[in-house]
N, C-alpha and C. Protein backbone atom coordinates (compact mmCIF):
# COMPACT_ATOMS: atom_id res chain seq x y z
N MET A 1 98.97 -76.66 -106.85
CA MET A 1 98.82 -76.89 -105.42
C MET A 1 99.08 -75.59 -104.68
N ASP A 2 98.32 -75.34 -103.67
CA ASP A 2 98.46 -74.17 -102.82
C ASP A 2 99.83 -74.23 -102.11
N PRO A 3 100.63 -73.16 -102.16
CA PRO A 3 101.95 -73.19 -101.51
C PRO A 3 101.87 -73.49 -100.02
N LYS A 4 100.84 -73.00 -99.34
CA LYS A 4 100.70 -73.28 -97.91
C LYS A 4 100.50 -74.78 -97.68
N THR A 5 99.68 -75.42 -98.51
CA THR A 5 99.44 -76.86 -98.40
C THR A 5 100.74 -77.62 -98.62
N ALA A 6 101.52 -77.20 -99.58
CA ALA A 6 102.79 -77.87 -99.85
C ALA A 6 103.72 -77.75 -98.66
N LEU A 7 103.75 -76.59 -98.02
CA LEU A 7 104.60 -76.40 -96.84
C LEU A 7 104.12 -77.25 -95.68
N ASP A 8 102.81 -77.34 -95.48
CA ASP A 8 102.27 -78.12 -94.37
C ASP A 8 102.63 -79.59 -94.50
N LYS A 9 102.74 -80.10 -95.72
CA LYS A 9 103.08 -81.50 -95.92
C LYS A 9 104.51 -81.80 -95.49
N ASP A 10 105.34 -80.76 -95.40
CA ASP A 10 106.74 -80.95 -95.04
C ASP A 10 106.99 -80.72 -93.55
N LYS A 11 105.95 -80.67 -92.75
CA LYS A 11 106.10 -80.45 -91.31
C LYS A 11 105.79 -81.74 -90.56
N ILE A 12 106.64 -82.03 -89.60
CA ILE A 12 106.39 -83.17 -88.72
C ILE A 12 105.18 -82.83 -87.85
N ILE A 13 104.31 -83.79 -87.66
CA ILE A 13 103.14 -83.62 -86.81
C ILE A 13 103.60 -83.85 -85.36
N PRO A 14 103.55 -82.82 -84.51
CA PRO A 14 104.09 -82.93 -83.15
C PRO A 14 103.49 -84.10 -82.35
N GLU A 15 102.20 -84.35 -82.51
CA GLU A 15 101.57 -85.46 -81.78
C GLU A 15 102.15 -86.80 -82.21
N ARG A 16 102.47 -86.91 -83.49
CA ARG A 16 103.06 -88.15 -83.99
C ARG A 16 104.47 -88.33 -83.45
N MET A 17 105.22 -87.23 -83.33
CA MET A 17 106.56 -87.30 -82.77
C MET A 17 106.48 -87.78 -81.32
N ALA A 18 105.51 -87.27 -80.57
CA ALA A 18 105.34 -87.68 -79.18
C ALA A 18 105.01 -89.17 -79.09
N VAL A 19 104.16 -89.64 -79.99
CA VAL A 19 103.81 -91.07 -80.01
C VAL A 19 105.05 -91.89 -80.34
N LEU A 20 105.79 -91.47 -81.34
CA LEU A 20 107.00 -92.20 -81.73
C LEU A 20 107.98 -92.29 -80.57
N ARG A 21 108.16 -91.21 -79.88
CA ARG A 21 109.07 -91.19 -78.73
C ARG A 21 108.60 -92.10 -77.60
N SER A 22 107.29 -92.29 -77.48
CA SER A 22 106.75 -93.10 -76.39
C SER A 22 106.76 -94.61 -76.69
N LEU A 23 107.02 -94.97 -77.94
CA LEU A 23 107.03 -96.40 -78.30
C LEU A 23 108.25 -97.09 -77.68
N PRO A 24 108.11 -98.37 -77.38
CA PRO A 24 109.25 -99.12 -76.87
C PRO A 24 110.40 -99.12 -77.89
N THR A 25 111.61 -99.11 -77.39
CA THR A 25 112.80 -99.05 -78.24
C THR A 25 112.83 -100.17 -79.26
N GLU A 26 112.44 -101.37 -78.87
CA GLU A 26 112.48 -102.50 -79.81
C GLU A 26 111.53 -102.31 -81.00
N ILE A 27 110.47 -101.57 -80.81
CA ILE A 27 109.55 -101.26 -81.91
C ILE A 27 110.17 -100.19 -82.80
N LYS A 28 110.70 -99.13 -82.19
CA LYS A 28 111.30 -98.05 -82.98
C LYS A 28 112.47 -98.54 -83.81
N GLN A 29 113.22 -99.49 -83.32
CA GLN A 29 114.38 -100.00 -84.05
C GLN A 29 113.97 -100.77 -85.31
N GLN A 30 112.73 -101.20 -85.38
CA GLN A 30 112.23 -101.94 -86.54
C GLN A 30 111.81 -101.01 -87.69
N PHE A 31 111.66 -99.72 -87.41
CA PHE A 31 111.21 -98.76 -88.42
C PHE A 31 112.32 -98.50 -89.43
N SER A 32 111.96 -98.50 -90.70
CA SER A 32 112.88 -98.02 -91.73
C SER A 32 112.75 -96.50 -91.78
N GLY A 33 113.65 -95.84 -92.45
CA GLY A 33 113.56 -94.38 -92.60
C GLY A 33 112.27 -93.96 -93.29
N GLU A 34 111.89 -94.70 -94.32
CA GLU A 34 110.65 -94.41 -95.05
C GLU A 34 109.43 -94.57 -94.14
N GLU A 35 109.42 -95.60 -93.33
CA GLU A 35 108.30 -95.83 -92.42
C GLU A 35 108.20 -94.71 -91.39
N ALA A 36 109.32 -94.31 -90.84
CA ALA A 36 109.31 -93.23 -89.84
C ALA A 36 108.81 -91.93 -90.47
N ARG A 37 109.26 -91.64 -91.67
CA ARG A 37 108.81 -90.42 -92.37
C ARG A 37 107.31 -90.47 -92.61
N SER A 38 106.82 -91.59 -93.10
CA SER A 38 105.38 -91.73 -93.35
C SER A 38 104.59 -91.47 -92.09
N PHE A 39 105.05 -92.02 -90.99
CA PHE A 39 104.36 -91.86 -89.72
C PHE A 39 104.41 -90.41 -89.25
N LEU A 40 105.59 -89.82 -89.24
CA LEU A 40 105.77 -88.48 -88.70
C LEU A 40 105.11 -87.39 -89.51
N TYR A 41 105.01 -87.57 -90.82
CA TYR A 41 104.46 -86.54 -91.70
C TYR A 41 103.00 -86.80 -92.06
N GLY A 42 102.38 -87.82 -91.46
CA GLY A 42 100.96 -88.06 -91.68
C GLY A 42 100.62 -88.63 -93.03
N GLU A 43 101.59 -89.28 -93.66
CA GLU A 43 101.34 -89.93 -94.95
C GLU A 43 100.66 -91.27 -94.70
N ALA A 44 100.16 -91.87 -95.75
CA ALA A 44 99.55 -93.20 -95.62
C ALA A 44 100.62 -94.17 -95.10
N LEU A 45 100.24 -94.96 -94.11
CA LEU A 45 101.20 -95.89 -93.52
C LEU A 45 101.42 -97.09 -94.44
N PRO A 46 102.68 -97.42 -94.68
CA PRO A 46 102.94 -98.65 -95.43
C PRO A 46 102.37 -99.85 -94.65
N GLU A 47 101.92 -100.85 -95.37
CA GLU A 47 101.30 -102.00 -94.71
C GLU A 47 102.21 -102.65 -93.67
N ASN A 48 103.50 -102.73 -93.97
CA ASN A 48 104.42 -103.36 -93.03
C ASN A 48 104.56 -102.54 -91.75
N LEU A 49 104.43 -101.21 -91.83
CA LEU A 49 104.49 -100.38 -90.63
C LEU A 49 103.21 -100.56 -89.82
N ALA A 50 102.08 -100.62 -90.48
CA ALA A 50 100.82 -100.84 -89.78
C ALA A 50 100.88 -102.17 -89.01
N GLU A 51 101.50 -103.17 -89.60
CA GLU A 51 101.64 -104.46 -88.93
C GLU A 51 102.52 -104.33 -87.68
N LYS A 52 103.61 -103.59 -87.78
CA LYS A 52 104.51 -103.39 -86.64
C LYS A 52 103.82 -102.65 -85.50
N LEU A 53 102.88 -101.76 -85.85
CA LEU A 53 102.20 -100.93 -84.86
C LEU A 53 100.84 -101.47 -84.44
N LYS A 54 100.46 -102.65 -84.90
CA LYS A 54 99.10 -103.15 -84.68
C LYS A 54 98.69 -103.17 -83.21
N ASP A 55 99.64 -103.40 -82.30
CA ASP A 55 99.31 -103.44 -80.87
C ASP A 55 99.19 -102.05 -80.25
N TYR A 56 99.52 -101.01 -81.03
CA TYR A 56 99.52 -99.65 -80.52
C TYR A 56 98.52 -98.75 -81.23
N LEU A 57 97.90 -99.22 -82.31
CA LEU A 57 96.95 -98.41 -83.07
C LEU A 57 95.52 -98.74 -82.65
N VAL A 58 94.67 -97.73 -82.73
CA VAL A 58 93.26 -97.91 -82.44
C VAL A 58 92.49 -97.62 -83.72
N ASN A 59 91.66 -98.54 -84.14
CA ASN A 59 90.84 -98.32 -85.34
C ASN A 59 89.64 -97.46 -84.96
N GLU A 60 89.39 -96.45 -85.77
CA GLU A 60 88.23 -95.59 -85.51
C GLU A 60 87.17 -95.81 -86.55
């Protein structure tokens, strides 16, 4: 794996952090640590997190 690619995977996506901060507190409190990491680092979302965010996600 390219070292630059490996480093990029370990960076929080700023736009995702902004979205997370804008979510209602009751939604954020439902996130597990693993779910928050998946969201912030652009990993595939666990199905249970996608369900929690269904009212806030837009399918493209």
